[in-house]
Amino acid sequence: MILLLLALQPPALAQDGAVIVSLSGQAWVQVPGGAPTAVDRCATVPAGATICTAPDAFAAVRLAPSPDDAGADDVVLLGGTCLDVLATAIDRARVNVSRGGVTISPSRDGGLVEVATRDGVTAGREGGFRVTLEEVATRTEAVTGRVQLQGDGGVLDLPAGKGSRMRPGRAPDAPTDLLLPQALLHPPADASLRRPDFAWTAVPGSTGYHLQLAADPAFLDIVEAVDVGPPQWQPDFLFSPTEIAGLWWRVAAYDRLGFLGVPTAGWPLSLPAGVPR
């Protein structure tokens, strides 16, 4: 615990920047004093710059200067998110979320990642956590990795499977249990996605669900994310802005306090013949 507390107040880091490793939809990068510039995957995000996604876009940013650095941590930006890349180094990175929400992907080899918002700092070494900026609070969900929350009024160690909120001038809220996943039902794993009809087992105590479709099993390359009420989703059609070879889907449940629970394991789907890949 002491080591993690000290890590929140470190010496200056090397200003290495980051790189966009996946992008679905539109995103812009803005350096201090410059205008927002539209970017694509493999574009760099210099230290001190901001990357923003359009409301219906998703991006994954590797906190390293090269996309080939497999030991670096990855940050997934949901739609309508703005992320400041403050600094990156071999064993540590700092970012700031000024709008929207991010997921730090699980990582065994990554370093300490600090996610700052107007309400405080969430820091973790294992990834596997989410940080979402709400209207009057910052919501953190420690999905698979433990994190530490440092707010204006104190510090909280948050184990995996727990959630908490930070508000200005207050200590982080007491931890709450995240809802656990139930079973995916349809379409079954490895099925051909001929009709976009999705269904899963209802989670007791849930108030709704968040479904994600991605072009990779790590869910870095998200192509669709939707919130629904019942344990099913039947869109009229699905549209991918880029050519993909296949899809993976997973679901997590919201509880009555607004925390998003642990997602199901991703199920792979194949694309029907004739779909561009």
C-alpha atoms as a PDB file:
ATOM      1  CA  MET A   1       0.000   0.000   0.000  1.00  0.00           C
ATOM      2  CA  ILE A   2       2.793   2.426   0.889  1.00  0.00           C
ATOM      3  CA  LEU A   3       4.572   1.861  -2.397  1.00  0.00           C
ATOM      4  CA  LEU A   4       1.428   2.629  -4.367  1.00  0.00           C
ATOM      5  CA  LEU A   5       0.792   5.775  -2.363  1.00  0.00           C
ATOM      6  CA  LEU A   6       4.304   6.987  -3.074  1.00  0.00           C
ATOM      7  CA  ALA A   7       3.857   6.158  -6.770  1.00  0.00           C
ATOM      8  CA  LEU A   8       1.087   8.760  -7.000  1.00  0.00           C
ATOM      9  CA  GLN A   9       3.629  11.503  -6.303  1.00  0.00           C
ATOM     10  CA  PRO A  10       6.613  10.561  -8.505  1.00  0.00           C
ATOM     11  CA  PRO A  11       9.401  12.490 -10.148  1.00  0.00           C
ATOM     12  CA  ALA A  12       8.851  13.740 -13.667  1.00  0.00           C
ATOM     13  CA  LEU A  13       8.376  11.066 -16.324  1.00  0.00           C
ATOM     14  CA  ALA A  14       9.869  10.769 -19.768  1.00  0.00           C
ATOM     15  CA  GLN A  15       7.638  12.421 -22.345  1.00  0.00           C
ATOM     16  CA  ASP A  16       7.350   9.532 -24.780  1.00  0.00           C
ATOM     17  CA  GLY A  17       3.752   9.847 -25.975  1.00  0.00           C
ATOM     18  CA  ALA A  18       1.442   7.111 -27.239  1.00  0.00           C
ATOM     19  CA  VAL A  19       0.076   5.559 -30.434  1.00  0.00           C
ATOM     20  CA  ILE A  20      -3.406   4.671 -31.671  1.00  0.00           C
ATOM     21  CA  VAL A  21      -3.525   0.898 -32.208  1.00  0.00           C
ATOM     22  CA  SER A  22      -7.193   0.613 -33.200  1.00  0.00           C
ATOM     23  CA  LEU A  23      -9.911   3.009 -34.317  1.00  0.00           C
ATOM     24  CA  SER A  24     -13.528   2.578 -35.333  1.00  0.00           C
ATOM     25  CA  GLY A  25     -15.087   5.844 -36.476  1.00  0.00           C
ATOM     26  CA  GLN A  26     -13.605   9.330 -36.183  1.00  0.00           C
ATOM     27  CA  ALA A  27     -11.046  10.655 -33.723  1.00  0.00           C
ATOM     28  CA  TRP A  28      -9.026  13.845 -33.407  1.00  0.00           C
ATOM     29  CA  VAL A  29      -5.692  14.689 -31.804  1.00  0.00           C
ATOM     30  CA  GLN A  30      -4.907  18.195 -30.574  1.00  0.00           C
ATOM     31  CA  VAL A  31      -1.503  19.364 -29.383  1.00  0.00           C
ATOM     32  CA  PRO A  32      -1.292  22.385 -27.041  1.00  0.00           C
ATOM     33  CA  GLY A  33      -1.845  25.558 -29.027  1.00  0.00           C
ATOM     34  CA  GLY A  34      -2.903  23.675 -32.148  1.00  0.00           C
ATOM     35  CA  ALA A  35      -6.198  22.794 -33.823  1.00  0.00           C
ATOM     36  CA  PRO A  36      -7.813  19.332 -33.650  1.00  0.00           C
ATOM     37  CA  THR A  37      -6.557  17.108 -36.480  1.00  0.00           C
ATOM     38  CA  ALA A  38      -8.376  14.023 -37.737  1.00  0.00           C
ATOM     39  CA  VAL A  39      -6.286  10.881 -37.282  1.00  0.00           C
ATOM     40  CA  ASP A  40      -6.350   7.182 -38.134  1.00  0.00           C
ATOM     41  CA  ARG A  41      -4.931   4.078 -36.481  1.00  0.00           C
ATOM     42  CA  CYS A  42      -1.145   4.044 -36.090  1.00  0.00           C
ATOM     43  CA  ALA A  43      -1.150   7.821 -35.568  1.00  0.00           C
ATOM     44  CA  THR A  44       0.963   9.078 -32.690  1.00  0.00           C
ATOM     45  CA  VAL A  45      -0.342  11.067 -29.731  1.00  0.00           C
ATOM     46  CA  PRO A  46       2.531  13.192 -28.377  1.00  0.00           C
ATOM     47  CA  ALA A  47       2.882  13.645 -24.646  1.00  0.00           C
ATOM     48  CA  GLY A  48       0.782  16.654 -23.676  1.00  0.00           C
ATOM     49  CA  ALA A  49      -1.685  16.115 -26.549  1.00  0.00           C
ATOM     50  CA  THR A  50      -5.374  15.217 -26.343  1.00  0.00           C
ATOM     51  CA  ILE A  51      -7.240  12.553 -28.295  1.00  0.00           C
ATOM     52  CA  CYS A  52     -11.035  12.741 -28.592  1.00  0.00           C
ATOM     53  CA  THR A  53     -13.454  10.233 -30.117  1.00  0.00           C
ATOM     54  CA  ALA A  54     -16.703  11.081 -31.883  1.00  0.00           C
ATOM     55  CA  PRO A  55     -19.911  10.057 -30.047  1.00  0.00           C
ATOM     56  CA  ASP A  56     -20.173   6.822 -32.055  1.00  0.00           C
ATOM     57  CA  ALA A  57     -16.442   6.061 -32.299  1.00  0.00           C
ATOM     58  CA  PHE A  58     -14.030   3.881 -30.335  1.00  0.00           C
ATOM     59  CA  ALA A  59     -10.252   3.931 -30.080  1.00  0.00           C
ATOM     60  CA  ALA A  60      -7.468   2.063 -28.303  1.00  0.00           C
ATOM     61  CA  VAL A  61      -4.307   3.953 -27.367  1.00  0.00           C
ATOM     62  CA  ARG A  62      -1.074   2.151 -26.471  1.00  0.00           C
ATOM     63  CA  LEU A  63       0.851   4.075 -23.831  1.00  0.00           C
ATOM     64  CA  ALA A  64       4.155   3.720 -25.652  1.00  0.00           C
ATOM     65  CA  PRO A  65       5.733   5.446 -28.668  1.00  0.00           C
ATOM     66  CA  SER A  66       5.474   2.299 -30.817  1.00  0.00           C
ATOM     67  CA  PRO A  67       2.510  -0.020 -31.561  1.00  0.00           C
ATOM     68  CA  ASP A  68       4.943  -2.958 -31.430  1.00  0.00           C
ATOM     69  CA  ASP A  69       5.628  -2.478 -27.709  1.00  0.00           C
ATOM     70  CA  ALA A  70       3.621  -5.481 -26.495  1.00  0.00           C
ATOM     71  CA  GLY A  71       4.533  -4.799 -22.850  1.00  0.00           C
ATOM     72  CA  ALA A  72       2.816  -1.407 -22.784  1.00  0.00           C
ATOM     73  CA  ASP A  73      -0.626  -0.707 -21.357  1.00  0.00           C
ATOM     74  CA  ASP A  74      -3.628  -0.101 -23.601  1.00  0.00           C
ATOM     75  CA  VAL A  75      -6.414   2.395 -22.922  1.00  0.00           C
ATOM     76  CA  VAL A  76      -9.743   1.914 -24.707  1.00  0.00           C
ATOM     77  CA  LEU A  77     -11.757   5.093 -25.303  1.00  0.00           C
ATOM     78  CA  LEU A  78     -15.517   4.825 -25.640  1.00  0.00           C
ATOM     79  CA  GLY A  79     -17.610   7.199 -27.736  1.00  0.00           C
ATOM     80  CA  GLY A  80     -17.448  10.890 -26.865  1.00  0.00           C
ATOM     81  CA  THR A  81     -14.280  10.577 -24.772  1.00  0.00           C
ATOM     82  CA  CYS A  82     -11.370  13.007 -24.466  1.00  0.00           C
ATOM     83  CA  LEU A  83      -8.076  11.718 -23.082  1.00  0.00           C
ATOM     84  CA  ASP A  84      -4.954  13.768 -22.315  1.00  0.00           C
ATOM     85  CA  VAL A  85      -1.729  11.767 -22.608  1.00  0.00           C
ATOM     86  CA  LEU A  86       0.291  13.417 -19.849  1.00  0.00           C
ATOM     87  CA  ALA A  87       3.382  11.206 -19.778  1.00  0.00           C
ATOM     88  CA  THR A  88       4.504   7.656 -20.509  1.00  0.00           C
ATOM     89  CA  ALA A  89       7.539   5.637 -19.484  1.00  0.00           C
ATOM     90  CA  ILE A  90       8.592   1.988 -19.417  1.00  0.00           C
ATOM     91  CA  ASP A  91       6.983   1.264 -16.045  1.00  0.00           C
ATOM     92  CA  ARG A  92       4.533   4.101 -15.622  1.00  0.00           C
ATOM     93  CA  ALA A  93       2.032   6.290 -17.458  1.00  0.00           C
ATOM     94  CA  ARG A  94      -0.288   9.142 -16.592  1.00  0.00           C
ATOM     95  CA  VAL A  95      -3.418  10.194 -18.482  1.00  0.00           C
ATOM     96  CA  ASN A  96      -6.317  12.525 -17.770  1.00  0.00           C
ATOM     97  CA  VAL A  97      -9.963  11.979 -18.757  1.00  0.00           C
ATOM     98  CA  SER A  98     -11.845  15.246 -19.244  1.00  0.00           C
ATOM     99  CA  ARG A  99     -14.937  13.681 -20.840  1.00  0.00           C
ATOM    100  CA  GLY A 100     -16.412  10.214 -21.351  1.00  0.00           C
ATOM    101  CA  GLY A 101     -14.927   6.977 -20.098  1.00  0.00           C
ATOM    102  CA  VAL A 102     -11.968   4.626 -20.565  1.00  0.00           C
ATOM    103  CA  THR A 103     -11.039   1.034 -19.870  1.00  0.00           C
ATOM    104  CA  ILE A 104      -7.481   0.053 -18.989  1.00  0.00           C
ATOM    105  CA  SER A 105      -7.023  -3.383 -20.527  1.00  0.00           C
ATOM    106  CA  PRO A 106      -5.758  -6.215 -18.302  1.00  0.00           C
ATOM    107  CA  SER A 107      -1.967  -6.471 -18.431  1.00  0.00           C
ATOM    108  CA  ARG A 108       0.498  -8.741 -16.668  1.00  0.00           C
ATOM    109  CA  ASP A 109       3.574  -6.983 -18.014  1.00  0.00           C
ATOM    110  CA  GLY A 110       2.430  -3.354 -17.959  1.00  0.00           C
ATOM    111  CA  GLY A 111       3.421  -0.701 -15.458  1.00  0.00           C
ATOM    112  CA  LEU A 112       1.521   1.591 -13.158  1.00  0.00           C
ATOM    113  CA  VAL A 113      -1.237   3.504 -14.964  1.00  0.00           C
ATOM    114  CA  GLU A 114      -2.693   6.617 -13.324  1.00  0.00           C
ATOM    115  CA  VAL A 115      -6.002   7.939 -14.659  1.00  0.00           C
ATOM    116  CA  ALA A 116      -6.767  11.450 -13.424  1.00  0.00           C
ATOM    117  CA  THR A 117     -10.100  13.263 -13.591  1.00  0.00           C
ATOM    118  CA  ARG A 118     -11.408  16.462 -12.012  1.00  0.00           C
ATOM    119  CA  ASP A 119     -12.349  14.372  -8.928  1.00  0.00           C
ATOM    120  CA  GLY A 120      -9.116  12.492  -8.218  1.00  0.00           C
ATOM    121  CA  VAL A 121      -6.788   9.760  -9.457  1.00  0.00           C
ATOM    122  CA  THR A 122      -7.311   6.034 -10.056  1.00  0.00           C
ATOM    123  CA  ALA A 123      -4.071   4.025 -10.209  1.00  0.00           C
ATOM    124  CA  GLY A 124      -3.419   0.348 -10.885  1.00  0.00           C
ATOM    125  CA  ARG A 125      -0.624  -1.952 -12.034  1.00  0.00           C
ATOM    126  CA  GLU A 126      -2.654  -4.830 -13.458  1.00  0.00           C
ATOM    127  CA  GLY A 127      -5.055  -2.950 -15.723  1.00  0.00           C
ATOM    128  CA  GLY A 128      -8.522  -4.421 -15.840  1.00  0.00           C
ATOM    129  CA  PHE A 129     -10.357  -1.334 -14.584  1.00  0.00           C
ATOM    130  CA  ARG A 130     -12.706   1.342 -15.887  1.00  0.00           C
ATOM    131  CA  VAL A 131     -12.931   5.071 -15.165  1.00  0.00           C
ATOM    132  CA  THR A 132     -16.025   7.025 -16.226  1.00  0.00           C
ATOM    133  CA  LEU A 133     -16.648  10.737 -15.795  1.00  0.00           C
ATOM    134  CA  GLU A 134     -20.229  11.297 -14.640  1.00  0.00           C
ATOM    135  CA  GLU A 135     -22.025  14.621 -14.176  1.00  0.00           C
ATOM    136  CA  VAL A 136     -21.112  15.039 -10.498  1.00  0.00           C
ATOM    137  CA  ALA A 137     -18.650  12.202  -9.813  1.00  0.00           C
ATOM    138  CA  THR A 138     -16.012   9.879 -11.232  1.00  0.00           C
ATOM    139  CA  ARG A 139     -17.036   6.225 -11.284  1.00  0.00           C
ATOM    140  CA  THR A 140     -14.380   3.518 -11.043  1.00  0.00           C
ATOM    141  CA  GLU A 141     -14.892  -0.219 -11.489  1.00  0.00           C
ATOM    142  CA  ALA A 142     -12.045  -2.544 -10.564  1.00  0.00           C
ATOM    143  CA  VAL A 143     -13.090  -5.377 -12.860  1.00  0.00           C
ATOM    144  CA  THR A 144     -10.156  -7.811 -12.797  1.00  0.00           C
ATOM    145  CA  GLY A 145      -7.335  -5.792 -11.199  1.00  0.00           C
ATOM    146  CA  ARG A 146      -7.102  -3.956  -7.890  1.00  0.00           C
ATOM    147  CA  VAL A 147      -6.670  -0.190  -7.963  1.00  0.00           C
ATOM    148  CA  GLN A 148      -6.178   2.688  -5.584  1.00  0.00           C
ATOM    149  CA  LEU A 149      -8.396   5.781  -5.555  1.00  0.00           C
ATOM    150  CA  GLN A 150      -6.989   9.080  -4.300  1.00  0.00           C
ATOM    151  CA  GLY A 151      -9.609  11.781  -3.820  1.00  0.00           C
ATOM    152  CA  ASP A 152      -9.478  15.156  -2.115  1.00  0.00           C
ATOM    153  CA  GLY A 153     -10.634  13.616   1.148  1.00  0.00           C
ATOM    154  CA  GLY A 154      -8.610  10.417   1.345  1.00  0.00           C
ATOM    155  CA  VAL A 155      -7.392   7.208  -0.262  1.00  0.00           C
ATOM    156  CA  LEU A 156      -9.191   3.908  -0.904  1.00  0.00           C
ATOM    157  CA  ASP A 157      -7.766   0.556  -1.970  1.00  0.00           C
ATOM    158  CA  LEU A 158     -10.343  -1.054  -4.267  1.00  0.00           C
ATOM    159  CA  PRO A 159     -10.075  -4.848  -4.784  1.00  0.00           C
ATOM    160  CA  ALA A 160     -11.086  -6.543  -8.024  1.00  0.00           C
ATOM    161  CA  GLY A 161     -14.840  -6.993  -8.329  1.00  0.00           C
ATOM    162  CA  LYS A 162     -15.611  -3.730  -6.515  1.00  0.00           C
ATOM    163  CA  GLY A 163     -16.713  -0.239  -7.562  1.00  0.00           C
ATOM    164  CA  SER A 164     -16.534   3.229  -5.999  1.00  0.00           C
ATOM    165  CA  ARG A 165     -17.104   6.898  -6.799  1.00  0.00           C
ATOM    166  CA  MET A 166     -15.032  10.004  -6.132  1.00  0.00           C
ATOM    167  CA  ARG A 167     -16.488  13.483  -5.658  1.00  0.00           C
ATOM    168  CA  PRO A 168     -14.774  16.854  -5.139  1.00  0.00           C
ATOM    169  CA  GLY A 169     -13.719  17.455  -1.547  1.00  0.00           C
ATOM    170  CA  ARG A 170     -14.742  14.007  -0.336  1.00  0.00           C
ATOM    171  CA  ALA A 171     -13.097  10.694   0.341  1.00  0.00           C
ATOM    172  CA  PRO A 172     -13.943   7.926  -2.166  1.00  0.00           C
ATOM    173  CA  ASP A 173     -17.213   6.139  -1.458  1.00  0.00           C
ATOM    174  CA  ALA A 174     -17.174   2.781   0.320  1.00  0.00           C
ATOM    175  CA  PRO A 175     -16.694  -0.148  -2.110  1.00  0.00           C
ATOM    176  CA  THR A 176     -19.713  -1.860  -3.614  1.00  0.00           C
ATOM    177  CA  ASP A 177     -19.807  -5.326  -5.166  1.00  0.00           C
ATOM    178  CA  LEU A 178     -19.994  -5.440  -8.952  1.00  0.00           C
ATOM    179  CA  LEU A 179     -22.587  -7.699 -10.541  1.00  0.00           C
ATOM    180  CA  LEU A 180     -21.172 -10.935 -11.906  1.00  0.00           C
ATOM    181  CA  PRO A 181     -21.900 -12.156 -15.443  1.00  0.00           C
ATOM    182  CA  GLN A 182     -24.366 -14.831 -16.374  1.00  0.00           C
ATOM    183  CA  ALA A 183     -24.411 -16.951 -19.549  1.00  0.00           C
ATOM    184  CA  LEU A 184     -24.450 -15.818 -23.156  1.00  0.00           C
ATOM    185  CA  LEU A 185     -27.166 -17.658 -25.069  1.00  0.00           C
ATOM    186  CA  HIS A 186     -27.464 -16.597 -28.701  1.00  0.00           C
ATOM    187  CA  PRO A 187     -25.753 -16.540 -31.121  1.00  0.00           C
ATOM    188  CA  PRO A 188     -23.597 -19.407 -29.837  1.00  0.00           C
ATOM    189  CA  ALA A 189     -19.818 -19.309 -29.905  1.00  0.00           C
ATOM    190  CA  ASP A 190     -18.260 -19.740 -33.376  1.00  0.00           C
ATOM    191  CA  ALA A 191     -21.650 -19.357 -35.076  1.00  0.00           C
ATOM    192  CA  SER A 192     -22.059 -17.469 -38.346  1.00  0.00           C
ATOM    193  CA  LEU A 193     -23.707 -14.111 -37.692  1.00  0.00           C
ATOM    194  CA  ARG A 194     -26.525 -14.359 -40.212  1.00  0.00           C
ATOM    195  CA  ARG A 195     -29.012 -12.363 -38.109  1.00  0.00           C
ATOM    196  CA  PRO A 196     -27.975  -9.825 -35.448  1.00  0.00           C
ATOM    197  CA  ASP A 197     -30.105 -11.297 -32.663  1.00  0.00           C
ATOM    198  CA  PHE A 198     -28.361 -11.440 -29.291  1.00  0.00           C
ATOM    199  CA  ALA A 199     -29.639 -12.917 -26.025  1.00  0.00           C
ATOM    200  CA  TRP A 200     -28.164 -13.768 -22.634  1.00  0.00           C
ATOM    201  CA  THR A 201     -29.284 -14.936 -19.202  1.00  0.00           C
ATOM    202  CA  ALA A 202     -30.745 -12.181 -17.011  1.00  0.00           C
ATOM    203  CA  VAL A 203     -28.565 -11.031 -14.094  1.00  0.00           C
ATOM    204  CA  PRO A 204     -30.493 -10.805 -10.796  1.00  0.00           C
ATOM    205  CA  GLY A 205     -30.586  -7.228  -9.493  1.00  0.00           C
ATOM    206  CA  SER A 206     -29.576  -5.641 -12.792  1.00  0.00           C
ATOM    207  CA  THR A 207     -31.204  -2.501 -14.214  1.00  0.00           C
ATOM    208  CA  GLY A 208     -29.815  -2.900 -17.742  1.00  0.00           C
ATOM    209  CA  TYR A 209     -26.936  -4.226 -19.794  1.00  0.00           C
ATOM    210  CA  HIS A 210     -23.962  -3.013 -21.827  1.00  0.00           C
ATOM    211  CA  LEU A 211     -23.145  -5.095 -24.927  1.00  0.00           C
ATOM    212  CA  GLN A 212     -19.906  -4.750 -26.868  1.00  0.00           C
ATOM    213  CA  LEU A 213     -18.846  -6.108 -30.263  1.00  0.00           C
ATOM    214  CA  ALA A 214     -15.164  -6.117 -31.134  1.00  0.00           C
ATOM    215  CA  ALA A 215     -12.939  -7.255 -33.982  1.00  0.00           C
ATOM    216  CA  ASP A 216     -10.463  -8.883 -31.572  1.00  0.00           C
ATOM    217  CA  PRO A 217     -10.734 -11.147 -28.515  1.00  0.00           C
ATOM    218  CA  ALA A 218      -9.035  -8.569 -26.252  1.00  0.00           C
ATOM    219  CA  PHE A 219     -11.774  -6.013 -27.039  1.00  0.00           C
ATOM    220  CA  LEU A 220      -9.304  -3.334 -28.038  1.00  0.00           C
ATOM    221  CA  ASP A 221     -10.874  -2.933 -31.473  1.00  0.00           C
ATOM    222  CA  ILE A 222     -14.487  -2.210 -30.466  1.00  0.00           C
ATOM    223  CA  VAL A 223     -16.880  -1.666 -33.369  1.00  0.00           C
ATOM    224  CA  GLU A 224     -20.179  -1.358 -31.479  1.00  0.00           C
ATOM    225  CA  ALA A 225     -21.330  -0.711 -27.898  1.00  0.00           C
ATOM    226  CA  VAL A 226     -24.920  -0.334 -26.785  1.00  0.00           C
ATOM    227  CA  ASP A 227     -26.893  -0.062 -23.547  1.00  0.00           C
ATOM    228  CA  VAL A 228     -30.159  -2.017 -23.419  1.00  0.00           C
ATOM    229  CA  GLY A 229     -32.773  -2.754 -20.782  1.00  0.00           C
ATOM    230  CA  PRO A 230     -33.814  -6.404 -21.296  1.00  0.00           C
ATOM    231  CA  PRO A 231     -31.335  -9.309 -21.675  1.00  0.00           C
ATOM    232  CA  GLN A 232     -31.530  -9.221 -25.455  1.00  0.00           C
ATOM    233  CA  TRP A 233     -30.630  -6.998 -28.404  1.00  0.00           C
ATOM    234  CA  GLN A 234     -32.114  -7.278 -31.872  1.00  0.00           C
ATOM    235  CA  PRO A 235     -30.878  -4.410 -34.080  1.00  0.00           C
ATOM    236  CA  ASP A 236     -32.273  -3.967 -37.568  1.00  0.00           C
ATOM    237  CA  PHE A 237     -28.726  -4.134 -38.942  1.00  0.00           C
ATOM    238  CA  LEU A 238     -25.079  -3.967 -37.926  1.00  0.00           C
ATOM    239  CA  PHE A 239     -22.558  -1.709 -39.597  1.00  0.00           C
ATOM    240  CA  SER A 240     -18.784  -1.834 -39.260  1.00  0.00           C
ATOM    241  CA  PRO A 241     -16.834   1.242 -40.444  1.00  0.00           C
ATOM    242  CA  THR A 242     -13.847  -0.958 -41.318  1.00  0.00           C
ATOM    243  CA  GLU A 243     -13.383  -4.371 -42.893  1.00  0.00           C
ATOM    244  CA  ILE A 244     -13.044  -7.068 -40.258  1.00  0.00           C
ATOM    245  CA  ALA A 245     -12.424 -10.821 -40.321  1.00  0.00           C
ATOM    246  CA  GLY A 246     -14.692 -11.710 -37.422  1.00  0.00           C
ATOM    247  CA  LEU A 247     -16.430 -10.528 -34.280  1.00  0.00           C
ATOM    248  CA  TRP A 248     -16.428 -11.192 -30.549  1.00  0.00           C
ATOM    249  CA  TRP A 249     -19.286 -10.176 -28.254  1.00  0.00           C
ATOM    250  CA  ARG A 250     -19.722  -9.843 -24.506  1.00  0.00           C
ATOM    251  CA  VAL A 251     -22.177  -8.349 -22.007  1.00  0.00           C
ATOM    252  CA  ALA A 252     -21.968  -6.714 -18.573  1.00  0.00           C
ATOM    253  CA  ALA A 253     -24.829  -5.730 -16.259  1.00  0.00           C
ATOM    254  CA  TYR A 254     -25.589  -2.393 -14.588  1.00  0.00           C
ATOM    255  CA  ASP A 255     -26.701  -2.417 -10.950  1.00  0.00           C
ATOM    256  CA  ARG A 256     -29.171  -0.050  -9.259  1.00  0.00           C
ATOM    257  CA  LEU A 257     -26.304   2.285  -8.279  1.00  0.00           C
ATOM    258  CA  GLY A 258     -25.151   2.646 -11.885  1.00  0.00           C
ATOM    259  CA  PHE A 259     -22.010   0.517 -11.630  1.00  0.00           C
ATOM    260  CA  LEU A 260     -21.186  -1.667 -14.629  1.00  0.00           C
ATOM    261  CA  GLY A 261     -20.333  -5.218 -13.607  1.00  0.00           C
ATOM    262  CA  VAL A 262     -17.867  -7.850 -14.693  1.00  0.00           C
ATOM    263  CA  PRO A 263     -18.349  -8.774 -18.372  1.00  0.00           C
ATOM    264  CA  THR A 264     -18.899 -12.244 -19.713  1.00  0.00           C
ATOM    265  CA  ALA A 265     -16.096 -13.943 -21.584  1.00  0.00           C
ATOM    266  CA  GLY A 266     -16.132 -12.887 -25.223  1.00  0.00           C
ATOM    267  CA  TRP A 267     -17.727 -15.291 -27.685  1.00  0.00           C
ATOM    268  CA  PRO A 268     -16.345 -15.410 -31.257  1.00  0.00           C
ATOM    269  CA  LEU A 269     -18.589 -15.113 -34.295  1.00  0.00           C
ATOM    270  CA  SER A 270     -17.811 -15.629 -37.951  1.00  0.00           C
ATOM    271  CA  LEU A 271     -19.115 -13.447 -40.749  1.00  0.00           C
ATOM    272  CA  PRO A 272     -21.410 -14.826 -43.474  1.00  0.00           C
ATOM    273  CA  ALA A 273     -20.008 -15.437 -46.929  1.00  0.00           C
ATOM    274  CA  GLY A 274     -19.967 -12.315 -49.061  1.00  0.00           C
ATOM    275  CA  VAL A 275     -19.276  -9.865 -46.218  1.00  0.00           C
ATOM    276  CA  PRO A 276     -16.147  -7.738 -46.966  1.00  0.00           C
ATOM    277  CA  ARG A 277     -13.167  -8.693 -44.766  1.00  0.00           C
END
